[in-house]
Amino acid sequence: MQTVITRVVLREDDAHEWDDAMRERLAAARDRKGWLGGQLLKPEDTPSERVIVGTWESREDWAAWHDDPAFRDTRERLDATHAERSEIKWQEVLADVRAP
Protein backbone atom coordinates (compact mmCIF):
# COMPACT_ATOMS: atom_id res chain seq x y z
CA MET A 1 0.00 0.00 0.00
CA GLN A 2 1.30 3.44 -0.99
CA THR A 3 0.26 6.95 -0.05
CA VAL A 4 1.02 9.88 -2.31
CA ILE A 5 1.06 13.34 -0.75
CA THR A 6 0.77 16.28 -3.12
CA ARG A 7 1.29 19.88 -2.00
CA VAL A 8 -0.19 22.60 -4.18
CA VAL A 9 -0.01 26.40 -3.84
CA LEU A 10 -2.92 28.15 -5.52
CA ARG A 11 -3.40 31.61 -6.87
CA GLU A 12 -5.48 33.39 -4.24
CA ASP A 13 -8.58 34.03 -6.33
CA ASP A 14 -8.77 30.48 -7.72
CA ALA A 15 -9.01 28.41 -4.53
CA HIS A 16 -12.77 27.84 -4.67
CA GLU A 17 -12.67 26.67 -8.31
CA TRP A 18 -9.72 24.38 -7.56
CA ASP A 19 -11.45 22.86 -4.51
CA ASP A 20 -14.55 22.06 -6.57
CA ALA A 21 -12.53 20.43 -9.35
CA MET A 22 -10.47 18.40 -6.89
CA ARG A 23 -13.60 17.16 -5.12
CA GLU A 24 -14.87 15.96 -8.52
CA ARG A 25 -11.57 14.18 -9.15
CA LEU A 26 -11.58 12.48 -5.75
CA ALA A 27 -15.18 11.34 -6.23
CA ALA A 28 -14.27 9.86 -9.63
CA ALA A 29 -11.24 8.05 -8.16
CA ARG A 30 -13.53 5.97 -5.92
CA ASP A 31 -14.33 3.72 -8.87
CA ARG A 32 -10.70 3.15 -9.85
CA LYS A 33 -8.86 -0.13 -9.37
CA GLY A 34 -6.48 0.17 -6.44
CA TRP A 35 -8.02 3.30 -4.88
CA LEU A 36 -8.26 3.00 -1.10
CA GLY A 37 -9.07 6.55 -0.05
CA GLY A 38 -8.01 10.14 0.08
CA GLN A 39 -8.24 13.47 1.79
CA LEU A 40 -8.16 17.07 0.64
CA LEU A 41 -6.54 19.29 3.27
CA LYS A 42 -6.15 23.05 3.74
CA PRO A 43 -3.46 24.08 6.24
CA GLU A 44 -4.73 26.57 8.84
CA ASP A 45 -1.80 28.94 8.44
CA THR A 46 -1.60 28.99 4.61
CA PRO A 47 -5.08 29.35 3.08
CA SER A 48 -3.74 29.28 -0.50
CA GLU A 49 -2.09 25.89 0.02
CA ARG A 50 -3.72 22.47 -0.41
CA VAL A 51 -2.49 19.02 0.46
CA ILE A 52 -3.94 15.95 -1.22
CA VAL A 53 -3.42 12.59 0.46
CA GLY A 54 -4.25 9.61 -1.72
CA THR A 55 -3.81 5.99 -0.72
CA TRP A 56 -3.51 3.32 -3.39
CA GLU A 57 -2.77 -0.39 -3.51
CA SER A 58 0.21 0.40 -5.78
CA ARG A 59 1.93 3.17 -7.70
CA GLU A 60 0.92 1.37 -10.89
CA ASP A 61 -2.77 1.81 -9.98
CA TRP A 62 -2.13 5.51 -9.33
CA ALA A 63 -0.31 5.87 -12.67
CA ALA A 64 -3.15 4.14 -14.54
CA TRP A 65 -5.59 6.63 -12.98
CA HIS A 66 -3.75 9.43 -14.78
CA ASP A 67 -4.90 7.95 -18.11
CA ASP A 68 -8.56 7.96 -17.06
CA PRO A 69 -10.76 10.58 -18.81
CA ALA A 70 -12.12 11.72 -15.41
CA PHE A 71 -8.58 12.57 -14.34
CA ARG A 72 -7.63 14.26 -17.60
CA ASP A 73 -10.87 16.28 -17.69
CA THR A 74 -9.94 18.08 -14.48
CA ARG A 75 -6.22 18.46 -15.20
CA GLU A 76 -6.41 21.70 -17.19
CA ARG A 77 -8.83 23.29 -14.74
CA LEU A 78 -6.60 22.45 -11.80
CA ASP A 79 -3.25 23.27 -13.38
CA ALA A 80 -4.49 26.72 -14.45
CA THR A 81 -4.98 27.70 -10.80
CA HIS A 82 -1.51 26.81 -9.50
CA ALA A 83 0.76 29.59 -8.30
CA GLU A 84 3.76 27.26 -8.39
CA ARG A 85 4.69 23.71 -9.36
CA SER A 86 3.12 20.90 -7.32
CA GLU A 87 5.28 18.85 -4.97
CA ILE A 88 4.64 15.09 -4.85
CA LYS A 89 6.06 12.70 -2.24
CA TRP A 90 5.45 8.98 -1.91
CA GLN A 91 5.15 7.17 1.40
CA GLU A 92 4.99 3.45 2.05
CA VAL A 93 2.13 2.74 4.44
CA LEU A 94 3.41 0.78 7.44
CA ALA A 95 0.14 0.89 9.40
CA ASP A 96 -3.37 2.04 8.53
CA VAL A 97 -5.63 2.37 11.59
CA ARG A 98 -9.15 3.72 11.24
CA ALA A 99 -12.30 3.74 13.27
CA PRO A 100 -14.45 0.63 12.76
PDB file of N, CA and C in Angstrom:
ATOM      1  N   MET A   1       0.852  -1.171   0.000  1.00  0.00           N
ATOM      2  CA  MET A   1       0.000   0.000   0.000  1.00  0.00           C
ATOM      3  C   MET A   1       0.896   1.231   0.000  1.00  0.00           C
ATOM      4  N   GLN A   2       0.520   2.210  -0.829  1.00  0.00           N
ATOM      5  CA  GLN A   2       1.298   3.440  -0.990  1.00  0.00           C
ATOM      6  C   GLN A   2       0.401   4.655  -0.786  1.00  0.00           C
ATOM      7  N   THR A   3       0.964   5.681  -0.175  1.00  0.00           N
ATOM      8  CA  THR A   3       0.263   6.953  -0.050  1.00  0.00           C
ATOM      9  C   THR A   3       1.073   8.009  -0.779  1.00  0.00           C
ATOM     10  N   VAL A   4       0.383   8.782  -1.594  1.00  0.00           N
ATOM     11  CA  VAL A   4       1.015   9.883  -2.305  1.00  0.00           C
ATOM     12  C   VAL A   4       0.487  11.176  -1.688  1.00  0.00           C
ATOM     13  N   ILE A   5       1.407  12.059  -1.350  1.00  0.00           N
ATOM     14  CA  ILE A   5       1.059  13.343  -0.748  1.00  0.00           C
ATOM     15  C   ILE A   5       1.489  14.432  -1.725  1.00  0.00           C
ATOM     16  N   THR A   6       0.511  15.222  -2.149  1.00  0.00           N
ATOM     17  CA  THR A   6       0.773  16.282  -3.116  1.00  0.00           C
ATOM     18  C   THR A   6       0.476  17.619  -2.464  1.00  0.00           C
ATOM     19  N   ARG A   7       1.450  18.527  -2.532  1.00  0.00           N
ATOM     20  CA  ARG A   7       1.293  19.881  -2.000  1.00  0.00           C
ATOM     21  C   ARG A   7       1.141  20.831  -3.174  1.00  0.00           C
ATOM     22  N   VAL A   8       0.110  21.663  -3.106  1.00  0.00           N
ATOM     23  CA  VAL A   8      -0.190  22.603  -4.183  1.00  0.00           C
ATOM     24  C   VAL A   8      -0.363  24.000  -3.582  1.00  0.00           C
ATOM     25  N   VAL A   9       0.215  25.008  -4.215  1.00  0.00           N
ATOM     26  CA  VAL A   9      -0.008  26.400  -3.837  1.00  0.00           C
ATOM     27  C   VAL A   9      -0.836  27.020  -4.953  1.00  0.00           C
ATOM     28  N   LEU A  10      -1.967  27.604  -4.565  1.00  0.00           N
ATOM     29  CA  LEU A  10      -2.918  28.147  -5.524  1.00  0.00           C
ATOM     30  C   LEU A  10      -2.821  29.659  -5.615  1.00  0.00           C
ATOM     31  N   ARG A  11      -3.212  30.169  -6.768  1.00  0.00           N
ATOM     32  CA  ARG A  11      -3.395  31.609  -6.867  1.00  0.00           C
ATOM     33  C   ARG A  11      -4.591  31.950  -5.985  1.00  0.00           C
ATOM     34  N   GLU A  12      -4.513  33.041  -5.283  1.00  0.00           N
ATOM     35  CA  GLU A  12      -5.480  33.395  -4.245  1.00  0.00           C
ATOM     36  C   GLU A  12      -6.935  33.379  -4.717  1.00  0.00           C
ATOM     37  N   ASP A  13      -7.205  33.913  -5.867  1.00  0.00           N
ATOM     38  CA  ASP A  13      -8.585  34.030  -6.334  1.00  0.00           C
ATOM     39  C   ASP A  13      -9.157  32.733  -6.909  1.00  0.00           C
ATOM     40  N   ASP A  14      -8.329  31.707  -7.056  1.00  0.00           N
ATOM     41  CA  ASP A  14      -8.765  30.477  -7.725  1.00  0.00           C
ATOM     42  C   ASP A  14      -9.022  29.308  -6.780  1.00  0.00           C
ATOM     43  N   ALA A  15      -8.910  29.513  -5.488  1.00  0.00           N
ATOM     44  CA  ALA A  15      -9.010  28.408  -4.534  1.00  0.00           C
ATOM     45  C   ALA A  15     -10.368  27.706  -4.592  1.00  0.00           C
ATOM     46  N   HIS A  16     -11.449  28.453  -4.668  1.00  0.00           N
ATOM     47  CA  HIS A  16     -12.771  27.837  -4.673  1.00  0.00           C
ATOM     48  C   HIS A  16     -12.961  26.948  -5.906  1.00  0.00           C
ATOM     49  N   GLU A  17     -12.563  27.450  -7.065  1.00  0.00           N
ATOM     50  CA  GLU A  17     -12.673  26.671  -8.306  1.00  0.00           C
ATOM     51  C   GLU A  17     -11.826  25.402  -8.212  1.00  0.00           C
ATOM     52  N   TRP A  18     -10.607  25.535  -7.692  1.00  0.00           N
ATOM     53  CA  TRP A  18      -9.716  24.382  -7.559  1.00  0.00           C
ATOM     54  C   TRP A  18     -10.320  23.344  -6.608  1.00  0.00           C
ATOM     55  N   ASP A  19     -10.846  23.793  -5.474  1.00  0.00           N
ATOM     56  CA  ASP A  19     -11.448  22.861  -4.509  1.00  0.00           C
ATOM     57  C   ASP A  19     -12.583  22.074  -5.148  1.00  0.00           C
ATOM     58  N   ASP A  20     -13.434  22.743  -5.911  1.00  0.00           N
ATOM     59  CA  ASP A  20     -14.548  22.060  -6.574  1.00  0.00           C
ATOM     60  C   ASP A  20     -14.048  21.007  -7.560  1.00  0.00           C
ATOM     61  N   ALA A  21     -13.070  21.369  -8.365  1.00  0.00           N
ATOM     62  CA  ALA A  21     -12.531  20.431  -9.354  1.00  0.00           C
ATOM     63  C   ALA A  21     -11.852  19.244  -8.678  1.00  0.00           C
ATOM     64  N   MET A  22     -11.144  19.501  -7.585  1.00  0.00           N
ATOM     65  CA  MET A  22     -10.465  18.401  -6.893  1.00  0.00           C
ATOM     66  C   MET A  22     -11.471  17.475  -6.215  1.00  0.00           C
ATOM     67  N   ARG A  23     -12.551  18.015  -5.694  1.00  0.00           N
ATOM     68  CA  ARG A  23     -13.599  17.157  -5.123  1.00  0.00           C
ATOM     69  C   ARG A  23     -14.182  16.242  -6.197  1.00  0.00           C
ATOM     70  N   GLU A  24     -14.393  16.779  -7.402  1.00  0.00           N
ATOM     71  CA  GLU A  24     -14.868  15.962  -8.519  1.00  0.00           C
ATOM     72  C   GLU A  24     -13.884  14.837  -8.819  1.00  0.00           C
ATOM     73  N   ARG A  25     -12.599  15.177  -8.843  1.00  0.00           N
ATOM     74  CA  ARG A  25     -11.567  14.185  -9.149  1.00  0.00           C
ATOM     75  C   ARG A  25     -11.526  13.096  -8.083  1.00  0.00           C
ATOM     76  N   LEU A  26     -11.595  13.481  -6.825  1.00  0.00           N
ATOM     77  CA  LEU A  26     -11.575  12.482  -5.750  1.00  0.00           C
ATOM     78  C   LEU A  26     -12.806  11.575  -5.814  1.00  0.00           C
ATOM     79  N   ALA A  27     -13.955  12.146  -6.112  1.00  0.00           N
ATOM     80  CA  ALA A  27     -15.179  11.336  -6.229  1.00  0.00           C
ATOM     81  C   ALA A  27     -15.040  10.336  -7.375  1.00  0.00           C
ATOM     82  N   ALA A  28     -14.458  10.749  -8.483  1.00  0.00           N
ATOM     83  CA  ALA A  28     -14.273   9.859  -9.626  1.00  0.00           C
ATOM     84  C   ALA A  28     -13.255   8.762  -9.330  1.00  0.00           C
ATOM     85  N   ALA A  29     -12.279   9.045  -8.480  1.00  0.00           N
ATOM     86  CA  ALA A  29     -11.245   8.051  -8.157  1.00  0.00           C
ATOM     87  C   ALA A  29     -11.818   6.862  -7.388  1.00  0.00           C
ATOM     88  N   ARG A  30     -12.936   7.061  -6.709  1.00  0.00           N
ATOM     89  CA  ARG A  30     -13.530   5.969  -5.923  1.00  0.00           C
ATOM     90  C   ARG A  30     -13.769   4.709  -6.737  1.00  0.00           C
ATOM     91  N   ASP A  31     -14.032   4.862  -8.018  1.00  0.00           N
ATOM     92  CA  ASP A  31     -14.329   3.717  -8.873  1.00  0.00           C
ATOM     93  C   ASP A  31     -13.095   3.097  -9.514  1.00  0.00           C
ATOM     94  N   ARG A  32     -11.935   3.629  -9.227  1.00  0.00           N
ATOM     95  CA  ARG A  32     -10.702   3.149  -9.851  1.00  0.00           C
ATOM     96  C   ARG A  32     -10.126   1.946  -9.125  1.00  0.00           C
ATOM     97  N   LYS A  33      -9.563   1.029  -9.929  1.00  0.00           N
ATOM     98  CA  LYS A  33      -8.860  -0.131  -9.371  1.00  0.00           C
ATOM     99  C   LYS A  33      -7.702   0.370  -8.508  1.00  0.00           C
ATOM    100  N   GLY A  34      -7.602  -0.150  -7.317  1.00  0.00           N
ATOM    101  CA  GLY A  34      -6.485   0.168  -6.439  1.00  0.00           C
ATOM    102  C   GLY A  34      -6.696   1.354  -5.520  1.00  0.00           C
ATOM    103  N   TRP A  35      -7.757   2.123  -5.721  1.00  0.00           N
ATOM    104  CA  TRP A  35      -8.022   3.295  -4.883  1.00  0.00           C
ATOM    105  C   TRP A  35      -8.499   2.846  -3.512  1.00  0.00           C
ATOM    106  N   LEU A  36      -7.863   3.339  -2.465  1.00  0.00           N
ATOM    107  CA  LEU A  36      -8.258   2.996  -1.098  1.00  0.00           C
ATOM    108  C   LEU A  36      -8.882   4.175  -0.370  1.00  0.00           C
ATOM    109  N   GLY A  37      -8.485   5.388  -0.704  1.00  0.00           N
ATOM    110  CA  GLY A  37      -9.072   6.551  -0.052  1.00  0.00           C
ATOM    111  C   GLY A  37      -8.202   7.778  -0.216  1.00  0.00           C
ATOM    112  N   GLY A  38      -8.761   8.905   0.203  1.00  0.00           N
ATOM    113  CA  GLY A  38      -8.011  10.143   0.078  1.00  0.00           C
ATOM    114  C   GLY A  38      -8.609  11.258   0.903  1.00  0.00           C
ATOM    115  N   GLN A  39      -7.818  12.281   1.055  1.00  0.00           N
ATOM    116  CA  GLN A  39      -8.239  13.472   1.785  1.00  0.00           C
ATOM    117  C   GLN A  39      -7.747  14.707   1.049  1.00  0.00           C
ATOM    118  N   LEU A  40      -8.535  15.756   1.144  1.00  0.00           N
ATOM    119  CA  LEU A  40      -8.156  17.070   0.640  1.00  0.00           C
ATOM    120  C   LEU A  40      -8.023  17.969   1.856  1.00  0.00           C
ATOM    121  N   LEU A  41      -6.843  18.522   2.064  1.00  0.00           N
ATOM    122  CA  LEU A  41      -6.544  19.291   3.267  1.00  0.00           C
ATOM    123  C   LEU A  41      -6.184  20.733   2.934  1.00  0.00           C
ATOM    124  N   LYS A  42      -6.540  21.649   3.850  1.00  0.00           N
ATOM    125  CA  LYS A  42      -6.155  23.051   3.738  1.00  0.00           C
ATOM    126  C   LYS A  42      -5.473  23.425   5.052  1.00  0.00           C
ATOM    127  N   PRO A  43      -4.159  23.688   5.021  1.00  0.00           N
ATOM    128  CA  PRO A  43      -3.461  24.078   6.241  1.00  0.00           C
ATOM    129  C   PRO A  43      -4.047  25.361   6.837  1.00  0.00           C
ATOM    130  N   GLU A  44      -4.145  25.417   8.152  1.00  0.00           N
ATOM    131  CA  GLU A  44      -4.731  26.573   8.835  1.00  0.00           C
ATOM    132  C   GLU A  44      -3.951  27.855   8.604  1.00  0.00           C
ATOM    133  N   ASP A  45      -2.638  27.746   8.512  1.00  0.00           N
ATOM    134  CA  ASP A  45      -1.799  28.940   8.442  1.00  0.00           C
ATOM    135  C   ASP A  45      -1.468  29.387   7.012  1.00  0.00           C
ATOM    136  N   THR A  46      -1.858  28.608   6.004  1.00  0.00           N
ATOM    137  CA  THR A  46      -1.598  28.991   4.615  1.00  0.00           C
ATOM    138  C   THR A  46      -2.839  28.682   3.766  1.00  0.00           C
ATOM    139  N   PRO A  47      -3.802  29.606   3.741  1.00  0.00           N
ATOM    140  CA  PRO A  47      -5.076  29.349   3.076  1.00  0.00           C
ATOM    141  C   PRO A  47      -4.981  29.139   1.563  1.00  0.00           C
ATOM    142  N   SER A  48      -3.878  29.503   0.940  1.00  0.00           N
ATOM    143  CA  SER A  48      -3.736  29.280  -0.498  1.00  0.00           C
ATOM    144  C   SER A  48      -3.068  27.944  -0.808  1.00  0.00           C
ATOM    145  N   GLU A  49      -2.744  27.188   0.213  1.00  0.00           N
ATOM    146  CA  GLU A  49      -2.094  25.891   0.023  1.00  0.00           C
ATOM    147  C   GLU A  49      -3.110  24.768   0.185  1.00  0.00           C
ATOM    148  N   ARG A  50      -2.920  23.673  -0.553  1.00  0.00           N
ATOM    149  CA  ARG A  50      -3.722  22.473  -0.412  1.00  0.00           C
ATOM    150  C   ARG A  50      -2.790  21.274  -0.343  1.00  0.00           C
ATOM    151  N   VAL A  51      -3.215  20.270   0.375  1.00  0.00           N
ATOM    152  CA  VAL A  51      -2.487  19.016   0.457  1.00  0.00           C
ATOM    153  C   VAL A  51      -3.478  17.907   0.112  1.00  0.00           C
ATOM    154  N   ILE A  52      -3.106  17.084  -0.846  1.00  0.00           N
ATOM    155  CA  ILE A  52      -3.938  15.947  -1.224  1.00  0.00           C
ATOM    156  C   ILE A  52      -3.227  14.694  -0.747  1.00  0.00           C
ATOM    157  N   VAL A  53      -3.953  13.862  -0.024  1.00  0.00           N
ATOM    158  CA  VAL A  53      -3.424  12.592   0.457  1.00  0.00           C
ATOM    159  C   VAL A  53      -4.230  11.498  -0.223  1.00  0.00           C
ATOM    160  N   GLY A  54      -3.576  10.703  -1.028  1.00  0.00           N
ATOM    161  CA  GLY A  54      -4.249   9.608  -1.722  1.00  0.00           C
ATOM    162  C   GLY A  54      -3.576   8.294  -1.388  1.00  0.00           C
ATOM    163  N   THR A  55      -4.372   7.293  -1.056  1.00  0.00           N
ATOM    164  CA  THR A  55      -3.810   5.990  -0.724  1.00  0.00           C
ATOM    165  C   THR A  55      -4.273   4.975  -1.762  1.00  0.00           C
ATOM    166  N   TRP A  56      -3.308   4.263  -2.297  1.00  0.00           N
ATOM    167  CA  TRP A  56      -3.511   3.321  -3.393  1.00  0.00           C
ATOM    168  C   TRP A  56      -2.880   1.979  -3.048  1.00  0.00           C
ATOM    169  N   GLU A  57      -3.385   0.930  -3.663  1.00  0.00           N
ATOM    170  CA  GLU A  57      -2.765  -0.391  -3.510  1.00  0.00           C
ATOM    171  C   GLU A  57      -1.337  -0.365  -4.043  1.00  0.00           C
ATOM    172  N   SER A  58      -1.125   0.364  -5.173  1.00  0.00           N
ATOM    173  CA  SER A  58       0.208   0.396  -5.781  1.00  0.00           C
ATOM    174  C   SER A  58       0.392   1.697  -6.563  1.00  0.00           C
ATOM    175  N   ARG A  59       1.636   2.010  -6.852  1.00  0.00           N
ATOM    176  CA  ARG A  59       1.930   3.166  -7.704  1.00  0.00           C
ATOM    177  C   ARG A  59       1.418   2.940  -9.121  1.00  0.00           C
ATOM    178  N   GLU A  60       1.416   1.687  -9.548  1.00  0.00           N
ATOM    179  CA  GLU A  60       0.918   1.368 -10.888  1.00  0.00           C
ATOM    180  C   GLU A  60      -0.567   1.717 -11.016  1.00  0.00           C
ATOM    181  N   ASP A  61      -1.360   1.440  -9.963  1.00  0.00           N
ATOM    182  CA  ASP A  61      -2.775   1.807  -9.978  1.00  0.00           C
ATOM    183  C   ASP A  61      -2.931   3.322 -10.072  1.00  0.00           C
ATOM    184  N   TRP A  62      -2.107   4.050  -9.307  1.00  0.00           N
ATOM    185  CA  TRP A  62      -2.129   5.513  -9.335  1.00  0.00           C
ATOM    186  C   TRP A  62      -1.774   6.022 -10.731  1.00  0.00           C
ATOM    187  N   ALA A  63      -0.740   5.440 -11.329  1.00  0.00           N
ATOM    188  CA  ALA A  63      -0.307   5.872 -12.665  1.00  0.00           C
ATOM    189  C   ALA A  63      -1.402   5.606 -13.701  1.00  0.00           C
ATOM    190  N   ALA A  64      -2.072   4.467 -13.602  1.00  0.00           N
ATOM    191  CA  ALA A  64      -3.149   4.141 -14.536  1.00  0.00           C
ATOM    192  C   ALA A  64      -4.297   5.144 -14.412  1.00  0.00           C
ATOM    193  N   TRP A  65      -4.548   5.628 -13.215  1.00  0.00           N
ATOM    194  CA  TRP A  65      -5.591   6.632 -12.976  1.00  0.00           C
ATOM    195  C   TRP A  65      -5.338   7.894 -13.792  1.00  0.00           C
ATOM    196  N   HIS A  66      -4.088   8.223 -14.022  1.00  0.00           N
ATOM    197  CA  HIS A  66      -3.749   9.426 -14.778  1.00  0.00           C
ATOM    198  C   HIS A  66      -4.141   9.340 -16.248  1.00  0.00           C
ATOM    199  N   ASP A  67      -4.437   8.123 -16.741  1.00  0.00           N
ATOM    200  CA  ASP A  67      -4.899   7.953 -18.114  1.00  0.00           C
ATOM    201  C   ASP A  67      -6.425   7.965 -18.215  1.00  0.00           C
ATOM    202  N   ASP A  68      -7.101   7.986 -17.083  1.00  0.00           N
ATOM    203  CA  ASP A  68      -8.564   7.962 -17.064  1.00  0.00           C
ATOM    204  C   ASP A  68      -9.113   9.317 -17.528  1.00  0.00           C
ATOM    205  N   PRO A  69     -10.168   9.315 -18.357  1.00  0.00           N
ATOM    206  CA  PRO A  69     -10.757  10.582 -18.809  1.00  0.00           C
ATOM    207  C   PRO A  69     -11.199  11.485 -17.651  1.00  0.00           C
ATOM    208  N   ALA A  70     -11.682  10.906 -16.561  1.00  0.00           N
ATOM    209  CA  ALA A  70     -12.122  11.720 -15.414  1.00  0.00           C
ATOM    210  C   ALA A  70     -10.943  12.480 -14.808  1.00  0.00           C
ATOM    211  N   PHE A  71      -9.772  11.883 -14.827  1.00  0.00           N
ATOM    212  CA  PHE A  71      -8.577  12.574 -14.337  1.00  0.00           C
ATOM    213  C   PHE A  71      -8.160  13.658 -15.322  1.00  0.00           C
ATOM    214  N   ARG A  72      -8.078  13.304 -16.580  1.00  0.00           N
ATOM    215  CA  ARG A  72      -7.634  14.255 -17.605  1.00  0.00           C
ATOM    216  C   ARG A  72      -8.574  15.439 -17.737  1.00  0.00           C
ATOM    217  N   ASP A  73      -9.884  15.206 -17.556  1.00  0.00           N
ATOM    218  CA  ASP A  73     -10.870  16.284 -17.687  1.00  0.00           C
ATOM    219  C   ASP A  73     -10.658  17.395 -16.665  1.00  0.00           C
ATOM    220  N   THR A  74     -10.153  17.062 -15.509  1.00  0.00           N
ATOM    221  CA  THR A  74      -9.937  18.084 -14.481  1.00  0.00           C
ATOM    222  C   THR A  74      -8.519  18.657 -14.504  1.00  0.00           C
ATOM    223  N   ARG A  75      -7.621  18.032 -15.228  1.00  0.00           N
ATOM    224  CA  ARG A  75      -6.216  18.459 -15.199  1.00  0.00           C
ATOM    225  C   ARG A  75      -6.020  19.919 -15.610  1.00  0.00           C
ATOM    226  N   GLU A  76      -6.579  20.313 -16.738  1.00  0.00           N
ATOM    227  CA  GLU A  76      -6.406  21.700 -17.195  1.00  0.00           C
ATOM    228  C   GLU A  76      -6.996  22.688 -16.211  1.00  0.00           C
ATOM    229  N   ARG A  77      -8.183  22.394 -15.706  1.00  0.00           N
ATOM    230  CA  ARG A  77      -8.833  23.291 -14.739  1.00  0.00           C
ATOM    231  C   ARG A  77      -7.967  23.464 -13.491  1.00  0.00           C
ATOM    232  N   LEU A  78      -7.409  22.373 -13.013  1.00  0.00           N
ATOM    233  CA  LEU A  78      -6.604  22.446 -11.798  1.00  0.00           C
ATOM    234  C   LEU A  78      -5.266  23.129 -12.056  1.00  0.00           C
ATOM    235  N   ASP A  79      -4.573  22.715 -13.103  1.00  0.00           N
ATOM    236  CA  ASP A  79      -3.247  23.274 -13.379  1.00  0.00           C
ATOM    237  C   ASP A  79      -3.285  24.779 -13.614  1.00  0.00           C
ATOM    238  N   ALA A  80      -4.381  25.283 -14.166  1.00  0.00           N
ATOM    239  CA  ALA A  80      -4.495  26.716 -14.454  1.00  0.00           C
ATOM    240  C   ALA A  80      -4.565  27.565 -13.192  1.00  0.00           C
ATOM    241  N   THR A  81      -4.826  26.955 -12.046  1.00  0.00           N
ATOM    242  CA  THR A  81      -4.980  27.704 -10.800  1.00  0.00           C
ATOM    243  C   THR A  81      -3.739  27.669  -9.914  1.00  0.00           C
ATOM    244  N   HIS A  82      -2.707  26.948 -10.327  1.00  0.00           N
ATOM    245  CA  HIS A  82      -1.511  26.807  -9.495  1.00  0.00           C
ATOM    246  C   HIS A  82      -0.632  28.054  -9.537  1.00  0.00           C
ATOM    247  N   ALA A  83      -0.168  28.467  -8.382  1.00  0.00           N
ATOM    248  CA  ALA A  83       0.757  29.593  -8.302  1.00  0.00           C
ATOM    249  C   ALA A  83       2.197  29.119  -8.475  1.00  0.00           C
ATOM    250  N   GLU A  84       2.433  27.847  -8.213  1.00  0.00           N
ATOM    251  CA  GLU A  84       3.758  27.261  -8.390  1.00  0.00           C
ATOM    252  C   GLU A  84       3.611  25.771  -8.657  1.00  0.00           C
ATOM    253  N   ARG A  85       4.698  25.145  -9.009  1.00  0.00           N
ATOM    254  CA  ARG A  85       4.687  23.715  -9.359  1.00  0.00           C
ATOM    255  C   ARG A  85       4.312  22.854  -8.144  1.00  0.00           C
ATOM    256  N   SER A  86       3.519  21.824  -8.383  1.00  0.00           N
ATOM    257  CA  SER A  86       3.118  20.897  -7.322  1.00  0.00           C
ATOM    258  C   SER A  86       4.319  20.103  -6.820  1.00  0.00           C
ATOM    259  N   GLU A  87       4.240  19.688  -5.575  1.00  0.00           N
ATOM    260  CA  GLU A  87       5.278  18.852  -4.973  1.00  0.00           C
ATOM    261  C   GLU A  87       4.639  17.518  -4.592  1.00  0.00           C
ATOM    262  N   ILE A  88       5.193  16.416  -5.107  1.00  0.00           N
ATOM    263  CA  ILE A  88       4.644  15.088  -4.853  1.00  0.00           C
ATOM    264  C   ILE A  88       5.665  14.258  -4.089  1.00  0.00           C
ATOM    265  N   LYS A  89       5.198  13.594  -3.014  1.00  0.00           N
ATOM    266  CA  LYS A  89       6.059  12.703  -2.236  1.00  0.00           C
ATOM    267  C   LYS A  89       5.315  11.397  -1.971  1.00  0.00           C
ATOM    268  N   TRP A  90       6.013  10.308  -2.156  1.00  0.00           N
ATOM    269  CA  TRP A  90       5.446   8.979  -1.912  1.00  0.00           C
ATOM    270  C   TRP A  90       5.847   8.476  -0.540  1.00  0.00           C
ATOM    271  N   GLN A  91       4.918   7.766   0.081  1.00  0.00           N
ATOM    272  CA  GLN A  91       5.152   7.169   1.396  1.00  0.00           C
ATOM    273  C   GLN A  91       4.673   5.714   1.355  1.00  0.00           C
ATOM    274  N   GLU A  92       5.463   4.819   1.887  1.00  0.00           N
ATOM    275  CA  GLU A  92       4.993   3.448   2.048  1.00  0.00           C
ATOM    276  C   GLU A  92       4.180   3.390   3.336  1.00  0.00           C
ATOM    277  N   VAL A  93       2.995   2.819   3.276  1.00  0.00           N
ATOM    278  CA  VAL A  93       2.127   2.735   4.442  1.00  0.00           C
ATOM    279  C   VAL A  93       2.570   1.549   5.291  1.00  0.00           C
ATOM    280  N   LEU A  94       2.993   1.827   6.517  1.00  0.00           N
ATOM    281  CA  LEU A  94       3.410   0.778   7.441  1.00  0.00           C
ATOM    282  C   LEU A  94       2.266   0.329   8.340  1.00  0.00           C
ATOM    283  N   ALA A  95       1.337   1.224   8.601  1.00  0.00           N
ATOM    284  CA  ALA A  95       0.143   0.887   9.400  1.00  0.00           C
ATOM    285  C   ALA A  95      -0.979   1.806   8.952  1.00  0.00           C
ATOM    286  N   ASP A  96      -2.191   1.267   8.913  1.00  0.00           N
ATOM    287  CA  ASP A  96      -3.371   2.038   8.529  1.00  0.00           C
ATOM    288  C   ASP A  96      -4.455   1.705   9.546  1.00  0.00           C
ATOM    289  N   VAL A  97      -4.673   2.606  10.494  1.00  0.00           N
ATOM    290  CA  VAL A  97      -5.626   2.372  11.588  1.00  0.00           C
ATOM    291  C   VAL A  97      -6.759   3.371  11.457  1.00  0.00           C
ATOM    292  N   ARG A  98      -7.982   2.864  11.379  1.00  0.00           N
ATOM    293  CA  ARG A  98      -9.154   3.718  11.239  1.00  0.00           C
ATOM    294  C   ARG A  98     -10.233   3.249  12.190  1.00  0.00           C
ATOM    295  N   ALA A  99     -11.167   4.117  12.425  1.00  0.00           N
ATOM    296  CA  ALA A  99     -12.301   3.739  13.266  1.00  0.00           C
ATOM    297  C   ALA A  99     -13.093   2.623  12.587  1.00  0.00           C
ATOM    298  N   PRO A 100     -13.695   1.726  13.363  1.00  0.00           N
ATOM    299  CA  PRO A 100     -14.450   0.632  12.759  1.00  0.00           C
ATOM    300  C   PRO A 100     -15.709   1.120  12.051  1.00  0.00           C
TER     301      PRO A 100
END
